[in-house]
Amino acid sequence: MSTTPSTDSSTQDLWSGTARLWIAVPVAVAGFFYSNILEYCLPLYFDALQVPRDTWSNLVKFKLAAWIIGSALAGLLSRRYGERLVWSAALLGKVLVILGLIYCPTPTVINMLSVWQGFTGALMWIAGISLIQMVPDARKGLSNGLIMVSLGVGAVFGALIGRFIIYRGELNPLLAAGDVAGAGSRLFNFTKLTSTPVTEDFLLIFWVIMFTTVLSAVAIALWGQRSGRFHRDEPADWNRTFKDVGQLVSNPKFWALVIPLAVMGGPVFQVSNQFLPYRAEDLGLKQGSEDQGWIWLQLLKTVMWIPGGAAVGLLAGRRAPGLAAVIILGSFSLGALGIGLSSVVWQIFIAVALFEFARQFMRWSHAGYLSEHMPDSLRATAIGCTIMFSGIGSTAYSFIAPVLWNPNSADFRSWKPAVAGAVIGLIGTVGLFIYDRLRPIRDTVDG
């Protein structure tokens, strides 16, 4: 099928209101660049600031708490006002996070910024992934695959660029002297870096992020979607929007998928999000603000998103059966279990590779997979509510786990919360398998 709408009226209807992938995908790359450059840099930045050691764990849990309300609201706002506008507004809102990190990075302010980052992140992700579903059916595999691959591409460059900027004081003299090999060896951690980053080394990163974020917001607002209304049952208004919610919560298939994939899958995400920096430190990949191999674990994570995203494209648009969801959640949980049980560096690298490959399918399961098994008019609402429940599961775990296993404690063992999260996911896997045997997920589209 041609990527350019023709003058034929039926083709024009087919393309009316659809996403412009040539805009949406680069903006997604930039957005994931933003997220992952922060994920790489902030644990190091916090150590340079000499804030309490549990600052990263607190950031994660406060950010997740905001996803609960942010996700539900994102689905409603996207249904009512359109995904394009919500996505653009969320990107502009993230500027406040960067300004706070630059000018007032105290523990209290960081916690407040975490809430705002989580809220705007929910709006951005849900509006963006919902907009990507707004393409002709024959292109859903391509659109979902591209958005997931773009996540990996943006993340890989985010970690590398972040590392270069942080250590530019050590790398730039080598480049100026023509020692490209020496600079590259240090950039990729083949040769140990000798400098220790201080807070000023991180500021340029924040300004780069701010520029790309504002540019992305403008691009999506002006050109992210073709004119017209994408095919829906009725034009959006608040009355129709709230009726969609009622229709969704009365759908048994929605709950059959959401409870294992979102509520019980949420804690599995947190094994990496919340505790991977501590696991890396236990295994010698990170020591304070010094990177002793942390970059390689970050690069592996993000590189695995590229083949994972491409593989998502093979399933998207096919209404994959319930067994596919069982395999996705099971693989994700086993990867988390491997992260927790790793005792040497090579083991955690293998576990992270499996985990991050499966993470792409888990992200898609909350959006494209779920929406393919729901009526078309419930797309944005279903995605928003699903990710809200994922936020509930993730937040509950992220608050409870540090109470049971406090990172500030002298006897903290980072493997314990990781294994606990994995076990929750494996229980959800078994439950979903049993349900699908009794009432196959793909039999009908309920609603």
Protein backbone atom coordinates (compact mmCIF):
# COMPACT_ATOMS: atom_id res chain seq x y z
CA MET A 1 0.00 0.00 0.00
CA SER A 2 1.30 3.43 -0.86
CA THR A 3 2.31 5.66 2.03
CA THR A 4 0.85 8.70 0.25
CA PRO A 5 -2.94 9.19 0.26
CA SER A 6 -4.42 9.12 -3.24
CA THR A 7 -7.25 11.21 -4.56
CA ASP A 8 -9.68 8.27 -4.42
CA SER A 9 -12.38 9.03 -1.80
CA SER A 10 -12.26 5.59 -0.18
CA THR A 11 -8.49 5.86 0.21
CA GLN A 12 -8.89 9.36 1.64
CA ASP A 13 -11.32 7.97 4.24
CA LEU A 14 -8.83 5.23 5.06
CA TRP A 15 -6.10 7.78 5.76
CA SER A 16 -8.26 10.42 7.43
CA GLY A 17 -6.96 11.24 10.91
CA THR A 18 -4.14 8.70 10.76
CA ALA A 19 -0.72 9.21 12.36
CA ARG A 20 2.13 10.60 10.27
CA LEU A 21 4.75 8.00 11.06
CA TRP A 22 7.54 10.12 9.57
CA ILE A 23 6.86 12.63 12.37
CA ALA A 24 5.67 10.38 15.20
CA VAL A 25 8.56 7.91 15.02
CA PRO A 26 11.40 10.51 15.18
CA VAL A 27 9.59 12.22 18.07
CA ALA A 28 9.37 8.84 19.81
CA VAL A 29 13.12 8.39 19.28
CA ALA A 30 13.74 11.79 20.87
CA GLY A 31 11.38 10.99 23.75
CA PHE A 32 13.10 7.72 24.50
CA PHE A 33 16.45 9.52 24.19
CA TYR A 34 15.19 11.87 26.90
CA SER A 35 14.05 9.07 29.20
CA ASN A 36 17.08 6.85 28.87
CA ILE A 37 19.74 9.51 29.07
CA LEU A 38 18.19 10.36 32.44
CA GLU A 39 18.04 6.71 33.48
CA TYR A 40 21.76 6.39 32.78
CA CYS A 41 22.83 9.73 34.24
CA LEU A 42 20.63 10.29 37.28
CA PRO A 43 22.05 7.50 39.50
CA LEU A 44 25.50 9.01 38.81
CA TYR A 45 24.22 12.58 39.23
CA PHE A 46 22.67 11.77 42.60
CA ASP A 47 25.95 10.29 43.81
CA ALA A 48 27.77 13.42 42.65
CA LEU A 49 25.25 15.51 44.58
CA GLN A 50 25.85 13.30 47.65
CA VAL A 51 22.13 12.96 48.31
CA PRO A 52 20.87 9.97 50.38
CA ARG A 53 21.49 6.61 48.77
CA ASP A 54 17.78 5.80 48.52
CA THR A 55 17.09 8.87 46.34
CA TRP A 56 16.95 6.78 43.15
CA SER A 57 14.57 4.26 44.72
CA ASN A 58 12.36 7.09 45.98
CA LEU A 59 12.38 8.74 42.55
CA VAL A 60 11.13 5.55 40.96
CA LYS A 61 8.32 4.95 43.41
CA PHE A 62 7.03 8.55 43.38
CA LYS A 63 7.17 8.59 39.59
CA LEU A 64 5.17 5.40 39.46
CA ALA A 65 2.56 6.67 41.90
CA ALA A 66 1.81 9.50 39.48
CA TRP A 67 1.28 6.97 36.67
CA ILE A 68 -1.85 5.70 38.42
CA ILE A 69 -3.88 8.88 37.94
CA GLY A 70 -1.86 10.02 34.93
CA SER A 71 -2.58 6.87 32.93
CA ALA A 72 -6.32 6.92 33.46
CA LEU A 73 -6.47 10.64 32.74
CA ALA A 74 -4.32 10.20 29.63
CA GLY A 75 -6.78 7.72 28.17
CA LEU A 76 -9.75 9.99 28.86
CA LEU A 77 -8.03 13.14 27.57
CA SER A 78 -6.79 11.35 24.46
CA ARG A 79 -10.31 10.10 23.71
CA ARG A 80 -11.81 13.54 24.31
CA TYR A 81 -9.23 15.95 22.85
CA GLY A 82 -7.07 13.72 20.65
CA GLU A 83 -3.78 11.94 21.15
CA ARG A 84 -1.75 14.50 19.22
CA LEU A 85 -2.51 17.42 21.52
CA VAL A 86 -2.08 15.39 24.69
CA TRP A 87 1.30 14.07 23.53
CA SER A 88 2.53 17.57 22.68
CA ALA A 89 1.37 19.07 26.00
CA ALA A 90 3.05 16.27 27.96
CA LEU A 91 6.36 16.93 26.22
CA LEU A 92 6.20 20.62 27.05
CA GLY A 93 5.39 19.75 30.66
CA LYS A 94 8.66 17.84 31.00
CA VAL A 95 10.61 21.09 30.72
CA LEU A 96 9.80 21.70 34.41
CA VAL A 97 11.64 18.50 35.35
CA ILE A 98 14.83 19.65 33.66
CA LEU A 99 14.68 23.12 35.20
CA GLY A 100 14.29 21.58 38.65
CA LEU A 101 17.26 19.26 38.15
CA ILE A 102 19.41 22.19 37.05
CA TYR A 103 18.46 24.82 39.60
CA CYS A 104 17.16 23.01 42.71
CA PRO A 105 18.20 19.33 42.90
CA THR A 106 17.43 18.79 46.59
CA PRO A 107 15.90 15.48 47.77
CA THR A 108 12.53 17.14 48.44
CA VAL A 109 12.41 18.82 45.04
CA ILE A 110 13.59 15.62 43.33
CA ASN A 111 10.65 13.78 44.88
CA MET A 112 8.26 16.45 43.61
CA LEU A 113 9.83 16.33 40.17
CA SER A 114 9.47 12.55 40.20
CA VAL A 115 5.71 12.91 40.57
CA TRP A 116 5.53 15.38 37.68
CA GLN A 117 7.83 13.23 35.56
CA GLY A 118 5.59 10.23 36.14
CA PHE A 119 2.41 12.17 35.38
CA THR A 120 3.70 13.70 32.14
CA GLY A 121 5.36 10.43 31.22
CA ALA A 122 2.01 8.65 31.45
CA LEU A 123 0.36 11.26 29.23
CA MET A 124 3.19 11.08 26.71
CA TRP A 125 3.41 7.28 26.49
CA ILE A 126 -0.31 6.55 26.38
CA ALA A 127 -1.16 9.34 23.93
CA GLY A 128 1.81 8.36 21.77
CA ILE A 129 1.18 4.61 21.70
CA SER A 130 -2.53 5.22 21.07
CA LEU A 131 -1.75 7.58 18.18
CA ILE A 132 0.50 4.91 16.67
CA GLN A 133 -2.52 2.54 16.57
CA MET A 134 -4.32 5.10 14.37
CA VAL A 135 -3.18 3.69 11.04
CA PRO A 136 -4.87 1.42 8.47
CA ASP A 137 -4.99 -2.17 9.71
CA ALA A 138 -2.47 -3.34 7.13
CA ARG A 139 0.12 -0.98 8.61
CA LYS A 140 -0.32 -1.80 12.31
CA GLY A 141 2.57 -4.26 12.31
CA LEU A 142 4.83 -1.62 10.78
CA SER A 143 3.71 1.18 13.10
CA ASN A 144 4.02 -0.88 16.30
CA GLY A 145 7.35 -2.32 15.22
CA LEU A 146 8.72 1.12 14.37
CA ILE A 147 7.69 2.68 17.67
CA MET A 148 9.27 -0.15 19.66
CA VAL A 149 12.46 -0.14 17.58
CA SER A 150 12.63 3.65 17.93
CA LEU A 151 12.58 3.19 21.69
CA GLY A 152 15.76 1.14 21.44
CA VAL A 153 17.46 3.48 18.98
CA GLY A 154 16.77 6.55 21.09
CA ALA A 155 17.87 4.78 24.25
CA VAL A 156 21.18 3.50 22.84
CA PHE A 157 22.22 6.95 21.70
CA GLY A 158 20.94 8.44 24.95
CA ALA A 159 23.30 6.38 27.12
CA LEU A 160 26.32 6.93 24.86
CA ILE A 161 25.78 10.66 24.44
CA GLY A 162 25.13 11.00 28.16
CA ARG A 163 28.38 9.23 29.00
CA PHE A 164 30.35 11.33 26.51
CA ILE A 165 28.98 14.59 27.92
CA ILE A 166 29.60 13.58 31.53
CA TYR A 167 33.21 12.62 30.84
CA ARG A 168 33.92 15.24 28.16
CA GLY A 169 36.61 16.79 30.35
CA GLU A 170 38.61 13.57 29.99
CA LEU A 171 37.58 12.61 26.44
CA ASN A 172 37.89 15.96 24.64
CA PRO A 173 41.66 16.31 25.20
CA LEU A 174 42.17 12.86 23.68
CA LEU A 175 40.09 13.79 20.63
CA ALA A 176 41.90 17.11 20.29
CA ALA A 177 45.20 15.21 20.26
CA GLY A 178 43.91 12.90 17.54
CA ASP A 179 43.65 9.87 19.84
CA VAL A 180 40.23 8.75 18.62
CA ALA A 181 40.92 5.13 19.57
CA GLY A 182 41.84 6.12 23.11
CA ALA A 183 38.71 8.23 23.48
CA GLY A 184 36.55 5.45 22.06
CA SER A 185 38.13 2.91 24.39
CA ARG A 186 37.20 5.04 27.38
CA LEU A 187 33.76 5.87 26.05
CA PHE A 188 32.90 2.17 25.73
CA ASN A 189 34.65 1.33 29.01
CA PHE A 190 37.41 -0.81 27.48
CA THR A 191 39.83 1.49 29.30
CA LYS A 192 38.96 2.70 32.78
CA LEU A 193 38.14 6.37 33.04
CA THR A 194 40.26 8.20 35.59
CA SER A 195 38.01 11.19 36.36
CA THR A 196 35.09 11.32 38.78
CA PRO A 197 32.08 13.37 37.56
CA VAL A 198 30.96 16.40 39.54
CA THR A 199 27.57 18.09 39.36
CA GLU A 200 28.65 20.65 36.72
CA ASP A 201 29.48 17.82 34.30
CA PHE A 202 25.79 16.90 34.04
CA LEU A 203 24.31 20.33 33.26
CA LEU A 204 24.92 20.27 29.51
CA ILE A 205 22.94 17.03 29.32
CA PHE A 206 19.92 18.72 30.83
CA TRP A 207 20.05 21.62 28.34
CA VAL A 208 20.30 19.20 25.40
CA ILE A 209 17.27 17.31 26.70
CA MET A 210 15.28 20.52 27.09
CA PHE A 211 15.98 21.58 23.50
CA THR A 212 15.00 18.22 21.97
CA THR A 213 11.85 18.03 24.10
CA VAL A 214 10.52 21.45 23.06
CA LEU A 215 11.33 20.73 19.40
CA SER A 216 9.48 17.40 19.60
CA ALA A 217 6.42 19.01 21.19
CA VAL A 218 6.14 21.53 18.36
CA ALA A 219 6.59 18.84 15.68
CA ILE A 220 3.84 16.61 17.08
CA ALA A 221 1.42 19.50 17.60
CA LEU A 222 1.78 20.82 14.06
CA TRP A 223 2.40 17.74 11.90
CA GLY A 224 1.88 14.55 13.92
CA GLN A 225 -1.50 13.58 12.44
CA ARG A 226 -3.36 13.90 9.14
CA SER A 227 -6.48 16.06 9.03
CA GLY A 228 -9.90 14.55 9.61
CA ARG A 229 -11.21 12.14 12.25
CA PHE A 230 -9.95 8.60 12.57
CA HIS A 231 -12.72 5.98 12.37
CA ARG A 232 -14.59 5.84 15.70
CA ASP A 233 -18.16 4.91 16.60
CA GLU A 234 -19.11 8.46 17.51
CA PRO A 235 -17.42 11.87 17.71
CA ALA A 236 -15.71 12.30 21.07
CA ASP A 237 -17.40 14.19 23.91
CA TRP A 238 -17.35 13.74 27.68
CA ASN A 239 -20.65 11.84 27.72
CA ARG A 240 -19.37 9.29 25.17
CA THR A 241 -16.00 9.15 26.91
CA PHE A 242 -17.49 8.15 30.27
CA LYS A 243 -19.78 5.63 28.59
CA ASP A 244 -16.65 4.04 27.13
CA VAL A 245 -15.31 3.57 30.65
CA GLY A 246 -18.50 1.80 31.72
CA GLN A 247 -18.37 -0.47 28.68
CA LEU A 248 -14.74 -1.29 29.38
CA VAL A 249 -15.09 -2.24 33.05
CA SER A 250 -17.98 -4.58 32.23
CA ASN A 251 -15.85 -6.48 29.72
CA PRO A 252 -14.54 -9.76 31.29
CA LYS A 253 -11.74 -10.15 28.74
CA PHE A 254 -10.37 -6.76 29.78
CA TRP A 255 -9.95 -7.95 33.37
CA ALA A 256 -8.59 -11.34 32.31
CA LEU A 257 -5.74 -9.57 30.51
CA VAL A 258 -5.22 -6.61 32.83
CA ILE A 259 -4.86 -8.47 36.11
CA PRO A 260 -1.90 -10.70 35.08
CA LEU A 261 -0.28 -8.44 32.46
CA ALA A 262 -0.66 -5.10 34.22
CA VAL A 263 -1.35 -5.55 37.94
CA MET A 264 0.96 -8.55 38.42
CA GLY A 265 3.30 -7.59 35.59
CA GLY A 266 3.87 -4.14 37.09
CA PRO A 267 6.20 -5.36 39.87
CA VAL A 268 8.28 -7.23 37.30
CA PHE A 269 9.06 -3.95 35.52
CA GLN A 270 10.33 -2.59 38.83
CA VAL A 271 12.95 -5.28 39.21
CA SER A 272 14.98 -3.39 36.59
CA ASN A 273 13.58 0.12 37.03
CA GLN A 274 14.12 0.28 40.77
CA PHE A 275 16.77 -2.25 41.74
CA LEU A 276 19.06 -2.79 38.74
CA PRO A 277 21.48 0.00 39.82
CA TYR A 278 21.85 -1.74 43.19
CA ARG A 279 22.34 -5.16 41.56
CA ALA A 280 24.98 -3.59 39.29
CA GLU A 281 26.78 -2.13 42.27
CA ASP A 282 26.74 -5.46 44.10
CA LEU A 283 28.43 -7.08 41.08
CA GLY A 284 31.03 -4.32 40.67
CA LEU A 285 29.63 -2.51 37.62
CA LYS A 286 29.14 0.76 39.48
CA GLN A 287 30.76 2.36 42.52
CA GLY A 288 29.26 5.63 43.66
CA SER A 289 29.33 8.07 40.74
CA GLU A 290 32.06 6.01 39.02
CA ASP A 291 31.01 3.92 36.03
CA GLN A 292 32.92 0.61 36.08
CA GLY A 293 30.80 -1.18 33.50
CA TRP A 294 27.37 0.31 34.17
CA ILE A 295 27.41 1.76 30.64
CA TRP A 296 27.58 -1.74 29.16
CA LEU A 297 24.57 -2.91 31.11
CA GLN A 298 22.65 0.18 30.00
CA LEU A 299 23.68 -0.33 26.38
CA LEU A 300 22.70 -3.99 26.49
CA LYS A 301 19.29 -3.04 27.86
CA THR A 302 18.59 -0.58 25.12
CA VAL A 303 20.16 -2.56 22.28
CA MET A 304 17.84 -5.46 23.09
CA TRP A 305 14.87 -3.14 22.57
CA ILE A 306 15.73 -2.97 18.86
CA PRO A 307 15.31 -6.68 17.98
CA GLY A 308 12.52 -6.86 20.55
CA GLY A 309 10.69 -4.01 18.84
CA ALA A 310 11.19 -5.57 15.42
CA ALA A 311 9.76 -8.85 16.73
CA VAL A 312 6.71 -6.99 18.07
CA GLY A 313 6.01 -5.90 14.50
CA LEU A 314 5.56 -9.57 13.53
CA LEU A 315 2.71 -10.01 16.03
CA ALA A 316 1.05 -6.59 15.93
CA GLY A 317 -2.19 -6.42 13.98
CA ARG A 318 -2.79 -10.20 14.07
CA ARG A 319 -4.92 -10.51 17.24
CA ALA A 320 -2.36 -12.88 18.74
CA PRO A 321 -3.85 -15.63 20.96
CA GLY A 322 -3.78 -15.73 24.75
CA LEU A 323 -0.84 -18.14 24.67
CA ALA A 324 1.26 -15.31 23.23
CA ALA A 325 0.52 -13.20 26.31
CA VAL A 326 1.39 -16.15 28.56
CA ILE A 327 4.78 -16.56 26.88
CA ILE A 328 5.44 -12.81 27.03
CA LEU A 329 4.73 -12.49 30.76
CA GLY A 330 6.51 -15.76 31.57
CA SER A 331 9.68 -14.78 29.70
CA PHE A 332 9.66 -11.35 31.31
CA SER A 333 9.34 -12.87 34.78
CA LEU A 334 12.11 -15.41 34.16
CA GLY A 335 14.41 -12.60 33.04
CA ALA A 336 13.67 -10.76 36.29
CA LEU A 337 14.38 -13.93 38.25
CA GLY A 338 17.73 -14.20 36.49
CA ILE A 339 18.59 -10.60 37.43
CA GLY A 340 17.87 -11.38 41.05
CA LEU A 341 19.79 -14.68 41.17
CA SER A 342 22.86 -13.53 39.19
CA SER A 343 26.04 -13.94 41.21
CA VAL A 344 28.61 -12.97 38.56
CA VAL A 345 28.66 -10.31 35.85
CA TRP A 346 28.06 -12.56 32.81
CA GLN A 347 24.90 -13.97 34.40
CA ILE A 348 23.29 -10.59 34.91
CA PHE A 349 24.11 -9.63 31.31
CA ILE A 350 22.28 -12.73 30.01
CA ALA A 351 19.32 -12.12 32.34
CA VAL A 352 19.07 -8.45 31.36
CA ALA A 353 19.17 -9.37 27.66
CA LEU A 354 16.18 -11.72 28.06
CA PHE A 355 14.35 -9.29 30.31
CA GLU A 356 14.73 -6.30 28.00
CA PHE A 357 13.79 -8.26 24.87
CA ALA A 358 10.60 -9.37 26.62
CA ARG A 359 10.02 -5.84 27.98
CA GLN A 360 9.16 -4.67 24.44
CA PHE A 361 6.41 -7.27 24.19
CA MET A 362 5.15 -6.33 27.64
CA ARG A 363 4.90 -2.68 26.61
CA TRP A 364 3.03 -3.72 23.49
CA SER A 365 0.76 -6.05 25.48
CA HIS A 366 -0.53 -3.04 27.44
CA ALA A 367 -1.31 -1.15 24.23
CA GLY A 368 -1.50 -2.79 20.81
CA TYR A 369 -2.19 -6.36 21.98
CA LEU A 370 -4.92 -5.31 24.39
CA SER A 371 -6.57 -2.87 21.96
CA GLU A 372 -6.73 -5.58 19.27
CA HIS A 373 -8.94 -7.62 21.60
CA MET A 374 -11.22 -4.67 22.47
CA PRO A 375 -13.77 -2.74 20.36
CA ASP A 376 -12.12 0.01 18.27
CA SER A 377 -13.87 2.84 20.11
CA LEU A 378 -12.28 1.76 23.41
CA ARG A 379 -8.69 1.98 22.15
CA ALA A 380 -7.39 5.02 24.07
CA THR A 381 -9.56 4.33 27.12
CA ALA A 382 -8.44 0.68 27.33
CA ILE A 383 -4.76 1.57 26.94
CA GLY A 384 -4.97 4.30 29.58
CA CYS A 385 -6.80 2.11 32.09
CA THR A 386 -4.46 -0.83 31.50
CA ILE A 387 -1.38 1.25 32.13
CA MET A 388 -3.10 2.76 35.17
CA PHE A 389 -3.44 -0.73 36.64
CA SER A 390 0.16 -1.44 35.74
CA GLY A 391 1.00 1.71 37.69
CA ILE A 392 -1.00 0.45 40.66
CA GLY A 393 0.87 -2.86 40.69
CA SER A 394 4.22 -1.17 40.15
CA THR A 395 3.61 1.49 42.78
CA ALA A 396 2.45 -0.97 45.42
CA TYR A 397 5.61 -2.99 44.88
CA SER A 398 7.88 0.07 44.72
CA PHE A 399 6.62 1.32 48.09
CA ILE A 400 6.49 -2.04 49.86
CA ALA A 401 9.80 -3.46 48.60
CA PRO A 402 12.04 -0.71 50.09
CA VAL A 403 10.28 -1.16 53.44
CA LEU A 404 11.08 -4.88 53.42
CA TRP A 405 14.53 -4.39 51.86
CA ASN A 406 15.81 -0.87 52.59
CA PRO A 407 18.70 0.26 50.31
CA ASN A 408 20.03 2.38 53.19
CA SER A 409 20.30 -0.64 55.46
CA ALA A 410 23.75 -2.10 56.10
CA ASP A 411 22.47 -5.63 55.43
CA PHE A 412 20.57 -4.71 52.23
CA ARG A 413 20.62 -7.54 49.67
CA SER A 414 19.40 -6.33 46.29
CA TRP A 415 18.60 -9.85 45.02
CA LYS A 416 15.70 -10.26 47.44
CA PRO A 417 13.29 -7.63 46.01
CA ALA A 418 14.24 -8.74 42.49
CA VAL A 419 13.27 -12.35 43.16
CA ALA A 420 10.05 -11.25 44.88
CA GLY A 421 8.98 -9.24 41.82
CA ALA A 422 9.74 -12.16 39.53
CA VAL A 423 7.65 -14.57 41.60
CA ILE A 424 4.63 -12.25 41.39
CA GLY A 425 4.93 -12.25 37.60
CA LEU A 426 5.23 -16.04 37.43
CA ILE A 427 2.05 -16.44 39.48
CA GLY A 428 0.27 -14.13 37.02
CA THR A 429 1.61 -16.23 34.13
CA VAL A 430 0.08 -19.40 35.55
CA GLY A 431 -3.25 -17.65 36.16
CA LEU A 432 -3.43 -16.29 32.61
CA PHE A 433 -2.59 -19.70 31.16
CA ILE A 434 -5.42 -21.35 33.10
CA TYR A 435 -7.93 -18.67 32.05
CA ASP A 436 -6.95 -18.94 28.40
CA ARG A 437 -7.40 -22.72 28.46
CA LEU A 438 -10.91 -22.31 29.88
CA ARG A 439 -11.97 -19.32 27.80
CA PRO A 440 -9.57 -18.58 24.91
CA ILE A 441 -8.69 -14.90 24.67
CA ARG A 442 -8.92 -14.79 20.87
CA ASP A 443 -12.37 -16.39 20.53
CA THR A 444 -14.34 -13.14 20.30
CA VAL A 445 -13.95 -9.40 20.61
CA ASP A 446 -16.12 -8.72 23.66
CA GLY A 447 -18.12 -5.54 23.86
